[in-house]
Amino acid sequence: MLIASVLLAAGFGVSIVSMAQLKAGDTQMAQATQPLQSSPSTPNNAPAESKPGGERPTTPAPEPAHPDAKAQKDGATAALPPAPAEKTAPPIKER
């Protein structure tokens, strides 16, 4: 009980001191920096020209997650099992 009273008194003290500082009027306002100068916009908004063999690798080509029909006949299995069938309830009977 004594500790709670001391903490409560300390809280009141801190709030009184902060209110006194606010009332003193010596607060300083922060000033934002000037906006940056933007580069002039170009009238052409077309995408940049693509170059073959650029930064993105083009080989090997991406492949689907499941093998094609010929590969399945040869015994290749899919990377993922087939998705389960959707569960549906029987239709609601009208009264």
Protein backbone atom coordinates (compact mmCIF):
# COMPACT_ATOMS: atom_id res chain seq x y z
CA MET A 1 0.00 0.00 0.00
CA LEU A 2 2.87 2.30 0.79
CA ILE A 3 4.58 1.54 -2.54
CA ALA A 4 1.36 2.26 -4.45
CA SER A 5 1.01 5.61 -2.68
CA VAL A 6 4.60 6.56 -3.48
CA LEU A 7 4.15 5.64 -7.15
CA LEU A 8 0.91 7.61 -7.34
CA ALA A 9 2.56 10.66 -5.79
CA ALA A 10 5.50 10.36 -8.19
CA GLY A 11 3.09 10.22 -11.15
CA PHE A 12 1.32 13.35 -9.97
CA GLY A 13 4.68 15.06 -9.52
CA VAL A 14 5.84 14.22 -13.02
CA SER A 15 2.57 15.41 -14.55
CA ILE A 16 2.71 18.71 -12.61
CA VAL A 17 6.29 19.33 -13.74
CA SER A 18 5.44 18.60 -17.38
CA MET A 19 2.38 20.89 -17.26
CA ALA A 20 4.53 23.66 -15.79
CA GLN A 21 7.02 23.28 -18.65
CA LEU A 22 4.22 23.45 -21.21
CA LYS A 23 2.77 26.54 -19.62
CA ALA A 24 6.17 28.27 -19.56
CA GLY A 25 5.91 28.72 -23.33
CA ASP A 26 9.53 27.92 -24.13
CA THR A 27 8.59 25.10 -26.45
CA GLN A 28 10.47 24.81 -29.73
CA MET A 29 8.78 23.69 -32.89
CA ALA A 30 10.59 21.42 -35.30
CA GLN A 31 10.74 22.64 -38.86
CA ALA A 32 10.46 20.29 -41.79
CA THR A 33 13.12 20.32 -44.47
CA GLN A 34 12.47 21.87 -47.84
CA PRO A 35 10.98 19.52 -50.44
CA LEU A 36 13.48 17.93 -52.78
CA GLN A 37 13.66 19.19 -56.34
CA SER A 38 12.15 16.53 -58.56
CA SER A 39 13.57 15.77 -61.97
CA PRO A 40 11.46 17.00 -64.88
CA SER A 41 9.02 14.39 -66.03
CA THR A 42 9.46 12.98 -69.49
CA PRO A 43 6.48 13.12 -71.83
CA ASN A 44 7.05 9.50 -72.90
CA ASN A 45 5.67 7.14 -70.26
CA ALA A 46 6.40 4.01 -72.31
CA PRO A 47 8.16 1.13 -70.56
CA ALA A 48 11.88 0.76 -70.99
CA GLU A 49 13.16 -1.22 -73.92
CA SER A 50 13.74 -4.87 -73.11
CA LYS A 51 17.08 -6.37 -74.02
CA PRO A 52 17.59 -10.07 -74.72
CA GLY A 53 19.75 -11.77 -72.13
CA GLY A 54 19.20 -8.98 -69.65
CA GLU A 55 19.40 -9.29 -65.89
CA ARG A 56 16.71 -11.95 -65.59
CA PRO A 57 17.83 -15.46 -66.49
CA THR A 58 16.02 -16.92 -69.47
CA THR A 59 17.36 -20.46 -69.29
CA PRO A 60 16.28 -22.95 -68.17
CA ALA A 61 12.71 -22.15 -69.07
CA PRO A 62 10.17 -22.52 -66.24
CA GLU A 63 8.29 -25.79 -66.28
CA PRO A 64 4.80 -26.61 -65.01
CA ALA A 65 4.33 -28.34 -61.66
CA HIS A 66 2.91 -31.44 -63.37
CA PRO A 67 4.57 -33.39 -66.19
CA ASP A 68 3.05 -33.45 -69.66
CA ALA A 69 1.07 -36.42 -70.98
CA LYS A 70 4.06 -38.08 -72.67
CA ALA A 71 6.17 -37.90 -69.50
CA GLN A 72 3.30 -39.34 -67.46
CA LYS A 73 3.10 -42.29 -69.85
CA ASP A 74 6.82 -42.82 -69.37
CA GLY A 75 6.26 -43.06 -65.59
CA ALA A 76 6.97 -39.55 -64.36
CA THR A 77 4.99 -38.52 -61.31
CA ALA A 78 3.61 -35.09 -60.51
CA ALA A 79 5.51 -32.84 -58.12
CA LEU A 80 2.39 -32.41 -55.99
CA PRO A 81 -0.43 -34.84 -55.32
CA PRO A 82 -3.74 -34.05 -57.02
CA ALA A 83 -6.00 -31.67 -55.17
CA PRO A 84 -8.84 -33.30 -53.25
CA ALA A 85 -12.31 -33.06 -54.71
CA GLU A 86 -14.51 -30.32 -53.35
CA LYS A 87 -16.86 -31.47 -50.65
CA THR A 88 -20.45 -30.67 -51.50
CA ALA A 89 -23.61 -31.46 -49.61
CA PRO A 90 -26.70 -32.95 -51.24
CA PRO A 91 -29.16 -30.36 -52.56
CA ILE A 92 -31.69 -28.94 -50.13
CA LYS A 93 -35.12 -30.44 -50.69
CA GLU A 94 -37.87 -27.92 -51.19
CA ARG A 95 -40.91 -28.24 -48.96
